[in-house]
Amino acid sequence: TTDISYDFNNSVLHGETSVYVNMPHIIVGANPNNLAGTSILHFAPDEWYITVGTPDQRVGVKVIDIFTLTSYFMIGTNIPAMPPPPSEVTDILGQIDFNRDLDALGEGSGFALGASLSVSINESFSIFYGSFAAGAGFDIMLKNYGPNVRCTGQAEPLGIKGWYAQGQVYAYLQGALGIRIKKGIAKGDYEIINLAAAAV
């Protein structure tokens, strides 16, 4: 679906395009209702931006119910704060906050991009069941915080004339194996081993 409008009184051009993918068990959109992603372009006298997904709602697809690929690209005046690593990473390592001071400065102009790939498998065989999940991704942002933002004790603006780059790379690996008893007093799932590792 595509919707484009122009406000002649305020000189504002705004357009949105959403793409849906629905081929069950082959390839579907990674967002709710099989939405693959949304792109927005906005041009106004006091702001402009182009987004192909965002850190909160990325463009993505899920392939054969196992692989999920996501990405986003943003450029313009509304670049948000660096997103946290995915929950699979923070569940293992705990909350990570590398950019608290920079994030407190709010949005800025520049560009941002990120991508991720994840794999998730759940299988059972006879009395055994198992699960496996792995993923990796990155985020990069270059933002202009302006001439008035400075590091403590420094006379010069942050970064190079107010431009400052941030980035993160992450990966995780999870696996579990157990026994499933379907009858009797001991009926239930009994986990034998559960391993997890992550890095940022």
C-alpha atoms as a PDB file:
ATOM      1  CA  THR A   1       0.000   0.000   0.000  1.00  0.00           C
ATOM      2  CA  THR A   2       1.200   3.516  -0.790  1.00  0.00           C
ATOM      3  CA  ASP A   3      -0.089   6.897   0.364  1.00  0.00           C
ATOM      4  CA  ILE A   4       1.453  10.216  -0.734  1.00  0.00           C
ATOM      5  CA  SER A   5       0.154  13.678   0.163  1.00  0.00           C
ATOM      6  CA  TYR A   6       1.273  17.274  -0.271  1.00  0.00           C
ATOM      7  CA  ASP A   7       0.211  20.128   1.989  1.00  0.00           C
ATOM      8  CA  PHE A   8       0.376  23.219  -0.254  1.00  0.00           C
ATOM      9  CA  ASN A   9      -0.287  25.654   2.584  1.00  0.00           C
ATOM     10  CA  ASN A  10       2.659  24.411   4.664  1.00  0.00           C
ATOM     11  CA  SER A  11       4.850  22.999   1.857  1.00  0.00           C
ATOM     12  CA  VAL A  12       4.950  19.500   3.359  1.00  0.00           C
ATOM     13  CA  LEU A  13       5.389  16.358   1.276  1.00  0.00           C
ATOM     14  CA  HIS A  14       4.682  13.088   3.092  1.00  0.00           C
ATOM     15  CA  GLY A  15       4.567   9.559   1.733  1.00  0.00           C
ATOM     16  CA  GLU A  16       4.305   6.077   3.233  1.00  0.00           C
ATOM     17  CA  THR A  17       4.640   2.650   1.632  1.00  0.00           C
ATOM     18  CA  SER A  18       3.964  -0.653   3.399  1.00  0.00           C
ATOM     19  CA  VAL A  19       4.819  -4.075   1.997  1.00  0.00           C
ATOM     20  CA  TYR A  20       3.228  -7.333   3.134  1.00  0.00           C
ATOM     21  CA  VAL A  21       4.568 -10.813   2.388  1.00  0.00           C
ATOM     22  CA  ASN A  22       2.475 -13.927   2.988  1.00  0.00           C
ATOM     23  CA  MET A  23       3.632 -17.272   1.598  1.00  0.00           C
ATOM     24  CA  PRO A  24       3.038 -19.512   4.655  1.00  0.00           C
ATOM     25  CA  HIS A  25       5.980 -21.759   5.664  1.00  0.00           C
ATOM     26  CA  ILE A  26       8.066 -20.288   2.839  1.00  0.00           C
ATOM     27  CA  ILE A  27       8.461 -16.547   3.416  1.00  0.00           C
ATOM     28  CA  VAL A  28       6.335 -14.126   5.449  1.00  0.00           C
ATOM     29  CA  GLY A  29       6.724 -10.613   6.799  1.00  0.00           C
ATOM     30  CA  ALA A  30       8.565 -10.518  10.122  1.00  0.00           C
ATOM     31  CA  ASN A  31       6.179  -7.980  11.671  1.00  0.00           C
ATOM     32  CA  PRO A  32       2.575  -8.547  12.864  1.00  0.00           C
ATOM     33  CA  ASN A  33      -0.020  -9.349  10.171  1.00  0.00           C
ATOM     34  CA  ASN A  34       2.778 -10.404   7.778  1.00  0.00           C
ATOM     35  CA  LEU A  35       4.037  -6.839   7.407  1.00  0.00           C
ATOM     36  CA  ALA A  36       7.517  -6.897   5.858  1.00  0.00           C
ATOM     37  CA  GLY A  37       8.083  -3.216   6.533  1.00  0.00           C
ATOM     38  CA  THR A  38       7.160   0.419   6.046  1.00  0.00           C
ATOM     39  CA  SER A  39       9.065   3.213   4.300  1.00  0.00           C
ATOM     40  CA  ILE A  40       8.398   6.894   4.961  1.00  0.00           C
ATOM     41  CA  LEU A  41       9.586  10.055   3.249  1.00  0.00           C
ATOM     42  CA  HIS A  42       8.866  13.473   4.728  1.00  0.00           C
ATOM     43  CA  PHE A  43      10.013  16.867   3.475  1.00  0.00           C
ATOM     44  CA  ALA A  44       9.032  20.071   5.254  1.00  0.00           C
ATOM     45  CA  PRO A  45      10.664  23.487   5.679  1.00  0.00           C
ATOM     46  CA  ASP A  46      11.899  22.678   9.205  1.00  0.00           C
ATOM     47  CA  GLU A  47      12.559  18.927   8.949  1.00  0.00           C
ATOM     48  CA  TRP A  48      13.132  16.110   6.492  1.00  0.00           C
ATOM     49  CA  TYR A  49      13.714  12.377   6.771  1.00  0.00           C
ATOM     50  CA  ILE A  50      13.605   9.129   4.832  1.00  0.00           C
ATOM     51  CA  THR A  51      13.170   5.847   6.682  1.00  0.00           C
ATOM     52  CA  VAL A  52      13.140   2.263   5.492  1.00  0.00           C
ATOM     53  CA  GLY A  53      12.124   0.683   8.754  1.00  0.00           C
ATOM     54  CA  THR A  54      13.207   1.942  12.183  1.00  0.00           C
ATOM     55  CA  PRO A  55      15.075   0.361  15.115  1.00  0.00           C
ATOM     56  CA  ASP A  56      11.687  -0.317  16.751  1.00  0.00           C
ATOM     57  CA  GLN A  57       9.959  -1.687  13.628  1.00  0.00           C
ATOM     58  CA  ARG A  58      12.486  -3.069  11.207  1.00  0.00           C
ATOM     59  CA  VAL A  59      11.959  -4.251   7.662  1.00  0.00           C
ATOM     60  CA  GLY A  60      12.192  -8.028   7.687  1.00  0.00           C
ATOM     61  CA  VAL A  61      11.102 -11.448   6.546  1.00  0.00           C
ATOM     62  CA  LYS A  62      10.942 -14.898   8.099  1.00  0.00           C
ATOM     63  CA  VAL A  63      12.049 -17.744   5.832  1.00  0.00           C
ATOM     64  CA  ILE A  64      10.802 -21.363   6.166  1.00  0.00           C
ATOM     65  CA  ASP A  65       9.811 -20.647   9.790  1.00  0.00           C
ATOM     66  CA  ILE A  66      13.491 -20.791  10.820  1.00  0.00           C
ATOM     67  CA  PHE A  67      15.473 -17.776   9.590  1.00  0.00           C
ATOM     68  CA  THR A  68      14.557 -14.154  10.329  1.00  0.00           C
ATOM     69  CA  LEU A  69      16.309 -11.297   8.553  1.00  0.00           C
ATOM     70  CA  THR A  70      15.717  -7.671   9.544  1.00  0.00           C
ATOM     71  CA  SER A  71      17.200  -4.280   8.715  1.00  0.00           C
ATOM     72  CA  TYR A  72      16.531  -0.556   8.821  1.00  0.00           C
ATOM     73  CA  PHE A  73      17.932   2.619   7.275  1.00  0.00           C
ATOM     74  CA  MET A  74      17.204   6.177   8.334  1.00  0.00           C
ATOM     75  CA  ILE A  75      18.528   9.529   7.153  1.00  0.00           C
ATOM     76  CA  GLY A  76      17.440  13.062   7.991  1.00  0.00           C
ATOM     77  CA  THR A  77      16.597  15.160  11.022  1.00  0.00           C
ATOM     78  CA  ASN A  78      14.890  12.599  13.273  1.00  0.00           C
ATOM     79  CA  ILE A  79      17.563  10.014  14.094  1.00  0.00           C
ATOM     80  CA  PRO A  80      16.659   8.308  17.404  1.00  0.00           C
ATOM     81  CA  ALA A  81      18.951   7.039  20.147  1.00  0.00           C
ATOM     82  CA  MET A  82      21.010   3.886  19.702  1.00  0.00           C
ATOM     83  CA  PRO A  83      18.717   0.878  20.241  1.00  0.00           C
ATOM     84  CA  PRO A  84      19.601  -1.635  22.959  1.00  0.00           C
ATOM     85  CA  PRO A  85      20.793  -5.105  21.960  1.00  0.00           C
ATOM     86  CA  PRO A  86      17.937  -7.592  21.413  1.00  0.00           C
ATOM     87  CA  SER A  87      16.277  -9.267  24.389  1.00  0.00           C
ATOM     88  CA  GLU A  88      18.031 -12.564  23.623  1.00  0.00           C
ATOM     89  CA  VAL A  89      21.332 -10.827  24.430  1.00  0.00           C
ATOM     90  CA  THR A  90      20.195  -8.866  27.486  1.00  0.00           C
ATOM     91  CA  ASP A  91      18.465 -11.947  28.937  1.00  0.00           C
ATOM     92  CA  ILE A  92      21.900 -13.589  29.046  1.00  0.00           C
ATOM     93  CA  LEU A  93      24.170 -10.632  29.875  1.00  0.00           C
ATOM     94  CA  GLY A  94      21.753  -8.367  31.731  1.00  0.00           C
ATOM     95  CA  GLN A  95      20.867  -4.807  30.790  1.00  0.00           C
ATOM     96  CA  ILE A  96      23.618  -2.994  28.900  1.00  0.00           C
ATOM     97  CA  ASP A  97      23.702   0.794  28.767  1.00  0.00           C
ATOM     98  CA  PHE A  98      26.765   2.021  26.906  1.00  0.00           C
ATOM     99  CA  ASN A  99      25.164   5.223  25.613  1.00  0.00           C
ATOM    100  CA  ARG A 100      23.108   6.627  28.491  1.00  0.00           C
ATOM    101  CA  ASP A 101      24.640  10.125  28.380  1.00  0.00           C
ATOM    102  CA  LEU A 102      24.390  10.408  24.582  1.00  0.00           C
ATOM    103  CA  ASP A 103      20.849   9.017  24.517  1.00  0.00           C
ATOM    104  CA  ALA A 104      19.779  11.704  27.000  1.00  0.00           C
ATOM    105  CA  LEU A 105      20.597  14.323  24.335  1.00  0.00           C
ATOM    106  CA  GLY A 106      17.634  13.116  22.274  1.00  0.00           C
ATOM    107  CA  GLU A 107      17.274  12.968  18.524  1.00  0.00           C
ATOM    108  CA  GLY A 108      19.600  14.563  16.005  1.00  0.00           C
ATOM    109  CA  SER A 109      20.277  14.796  12.294  1.00  0.00           C
ATOM    110  CA  GLY A 110      22.379  12.233  10.460  1.00  0.00           C
ATOM    111  CA  PHE A 111      21.867   8.628   9.470  1.00  0.00           C
ATOM    112  CA  ALA A 112      21.403   5.225  11.063  1.00  0.00           C
ATOM    113  CA  LEU A 113      21.407   1.678   9.803  1.00  0.00           C
ATOM    114  CA  GLY A 114      21.296  -1.804  11.233  1.00  0.00           C
ATOM    115  CA  ALA A 115      20.691  -5.425  10.304  1.00  0.00           C
ATOM    116  CA  SER A 116      20.285  -8.776  12.009  1.00  0.00           C
ATOM    117  CA  LEU A 117      19.990 -12.476  11.225  1.00  0.00           C
ATOM    118  CA  SER A 118      18.525 -15.020  13.625  1.00  0.00           C
ATOM    119  CA  VAL A 119      17.831 -18.751  13.548  1.00  0.00           C
ATOM    120  CA  SER A 120      15.313 -20.565  15.754  1.00  0.00           C
ATOM    121  CA  ILE A 121      14.593 -24.315  15.770  1.00  0.00           C
ATOM    122  CA  ASN A 122      12.376 -26.378  18.078  1.00  0.00           C
ATOM    123  CA  GLU A 123      12.228 -30.129  17.466  1.00  0.00           C
ATOM    124  CA  SER A 124      11.242 -33.325  19.232  1.00  0.00           C
ATOM    125  CA  PHE A 125      12.231 -36.958  18.613  1.00  0.00           C
ATOM    126  CA  SER A 126      10.806 -39.888  20.534  1.00  0.00           C
ATOM    127  CA  ILE A 127      11.005 -38.858  24.217  1.00  0.00           C
ATOM    128  CA  PHE A 128      13.516 -36.074  23.582  1.00  0.00           C
ATOM    129  CA  TYR A 129      12.929 -32.443  22.753  1.00  0.00           C
ATOM    130  CA  GLY A 130      15.372 -29.703  21.939  1.00  0.00           C
ATOM    131  CA  SER A 131      15.659 -26.089  20.930  1.00  0.00           C
ATOM    132  CA  PHE A 132      18.356 -24.034  19.294  1.00  0.00           C
ATOM    133  CA  ALA A 133      18.582 -20.308  18.675  1.00  0.00           C
ATOM    134  CA  ALA A 134      21.354 -18.089  17.388  1.00  0.00           C
ATOM    135  CA  GLY A 135      21.607 -14.599  16.062  1.00  0.00           C
ATOM    136  CA  ALA A 136      23.916 -11.731  15.198  1.00  0.00           C
ATOM    137  CA  GLY A 137      23.529  -8.127  14.155  1.00  0.00           C
ATOM    138  CA  PHE A 138      24.841  -4.584  14.200  1.00  0.00           C
ATOM    139  CA  ASP A 139      23.719  -0.968  14.542  1.00  0.00           C
ATOM    140  CA  ILE A 140      25.559   2.151  13.320  1.00  0.00           C
ATOM    141  CA  MET A 141      24.585   5.772  13.834  1.00  0.00           C
ATOM    142  CA  LEU A 142      26.193   9.060  12.830  1.00  0.00           C
ATOM    143  CA  LYS A 143      24.482  12.081  14.351  1.00  0.00           C
ATOM    144  CA  ASN A 144      25.036  15.807  14.529  1.00  0.00           C
ATOM    145  CA  TYR A 145      24.543  16.935  18.143  1.00  0.00           C
ATOM    146  CA  GLY A 146      25.282  20.570  17.274  1.00  0.00           C
ATOM    147  CA  PRO A 147      28.015  23.005  18.362  1.00  0.00           C
ATOM    148  CA  ASN A 148      26.856  23.320  21.985  1.00  0.00           C
ATOM    149  CA  VAL A 149      27.332  19.693  23.095  1.00  0.00           C
ATOM    150  CA  ARG A 150      30.749  19.090  24.668  1.00  0.00           C
ATOM    151  CA  CYS A 151      32.491  16.461  26.737  1.00  0.00           C
ATOM    152  CA  THR A 152      33.168  17.495  30.336  1.00  0.00           C
ATOM    153  CA  GLY A 153      36.209  19.741  30.506  1.00  0.00           C
ATOM    154  CA  GLN A 154      36.518  20.132  26.726  1.00  0.00           C
ATOM    155  CA  ALA A 155      36.180  23.379  24.806  1.00  0.00           C
ATOM    156  CA  GLU A 156      35.530  21.816  21.404  1.00  0.00           C
ATOM    157  CA  PRO A 157      32.145  20.369  20.341  1.00  0.00           C
ATOM    158  CA  LEU A 158      31.555  16.650  20.703  1.00  0.00           C
ATOM    159  CA  GLY A 159      33.153  14.504  18.003  1.00  0.00           C
ATOM    160  CA  ILE A 160      34.108  16.317  14.797  1.00  0.00           C
ATOM    161  CA  LYS A 161      32.307  19.671  14.803  1.00  0.00           C
ATOM    162  CA  GLY A 162      29.339  18.089  16.573  1.00  0.00           C
ATOM    163  CA  TRP A 163      29.228  14.932  14.451  1.00  0.00           C
ATOM    164  CA  TYR A 164      29.596  11.766  16.514  1.00  0.00           C
ATOM    165  CA  ALA A 165      29.443   8.099  15.464  1.00  0.00           C
ATOM    166  CA  GLN A 166      28.275   5.132  17.534  1.00  0.00           C
ATOM    167  CA  GLY A 167      28.071   1.460  16.768  1.00  0.00           C
ATOM    168  CA  GLN A 168      27.481  -1.940  18.287  1.00  0.00           C
ATOM    169  CA  VAL A 169      27.849  -5.552  17.185  1.00  0.00           C
ATOM    170  CA  TYR A 170      26.185  -8.423  19.038  1.00  0.00           C
ATOM    171  CA  ALA A 171      25.752 -12.188  18.854  1.00  0.00           C
ATOM    172  CA  TYR A 172      24.057 -14.867  20.929  1.00  0.00           C
ATOM    173  CA  LEU A 173      23.719 -18.650  21.051  1.00  0.00           C
ATOM    174  CA  GLN A 174      21.198 -20.690  23.036  1.00  0.00           C
ATOM    175  CA  GLY A 175      20.508 -24.421  23.217  1.00  0.00           C
ATOM    176  CA  ALA A 176      18.449 -26.780  25.372  1.00  0.00           C
ATOM    177  CA  LEU A 177      17.817 -30.526  25.504  1.00  0.00           C
ATOM    178  CA  GLY A 178      15.290 -32.413  27.606  1.00  0.00           C
ATOM    179  CA  ILE A 179      13.080 -35.469  28.071  1.00  0.00           C
ATOM    180  CA  ARG A 180       9.303 -35.393  27.611  1.00  0.00           C
ATOM    181  CA  ILE A 181       7.315 -37.968  29.572  1.00  0.00           C
ATOM    182  CA  LYS A 182       3.745 -38.212  28.291  1.00  0.00           C
ATOM    183  CA  LYS A 183       2.176 -40.667  30.743  1.00  0.00           C
ATOM    184  CA  GLY A 184       2.080 -41.564  34.426  1.00  0.00           C
ATOM    185  CA  ILE A 185       2.781 -39.653  37.614  1.00  0.00           C
ATOM    186  CA  ALA A 186       6.019 -38.224  36.223  1.00  0.00           C
ATOM    187  CA  LYS A 187       4.288 -36.709  33.154  1.00  0.00           C
ATOM    188  CA  GLY A 188       5.971 -33.500  32.004  1.00  0.00           C
ATOM    189  CA  ASP A 189       9.083 -31.965  30.444  1.00  0.00           C
ATOM    190  CA  TYR A 190      12.429 -32.424  32.193  1.00  0.00           C
ATOM    191  CA  GLU A 191      15.305 -30.301  31.006  1.00  0.00           C
ATOM    192  CA  ILE A 192      18.685 -32.049  30.890  1.00  0.00           C
ATOM    193  CA  ILE A 193      20.898 -29.211  29.719  1.00  0.00           C
ATOM    194  CA  ASN A 194      20.535 -25.547  28.874  1.00  0.00           C
ATOM    195  CA  LEU A 195      23.434 -23.490  27.553  1.00  0.00           C
ATOM    196  CA  ALA A 196      23.615 -19.865  26.497  1.00  0.00           C
ATOM    197  CA  ALA A 197      26.295 -17.389  25.486  1.00  0.00           C
ATOM    198  CA  ALA A 198      26.253 -13.819  24.203  1.00  0.00           C
ATOM    199  CA  ALA A 199      28.613 -10.987  23.397  1.00  0.00           C
ATOM    200  CA  VAL A 200      28.324  -7.289  22.585  1.00  0.00           C
END
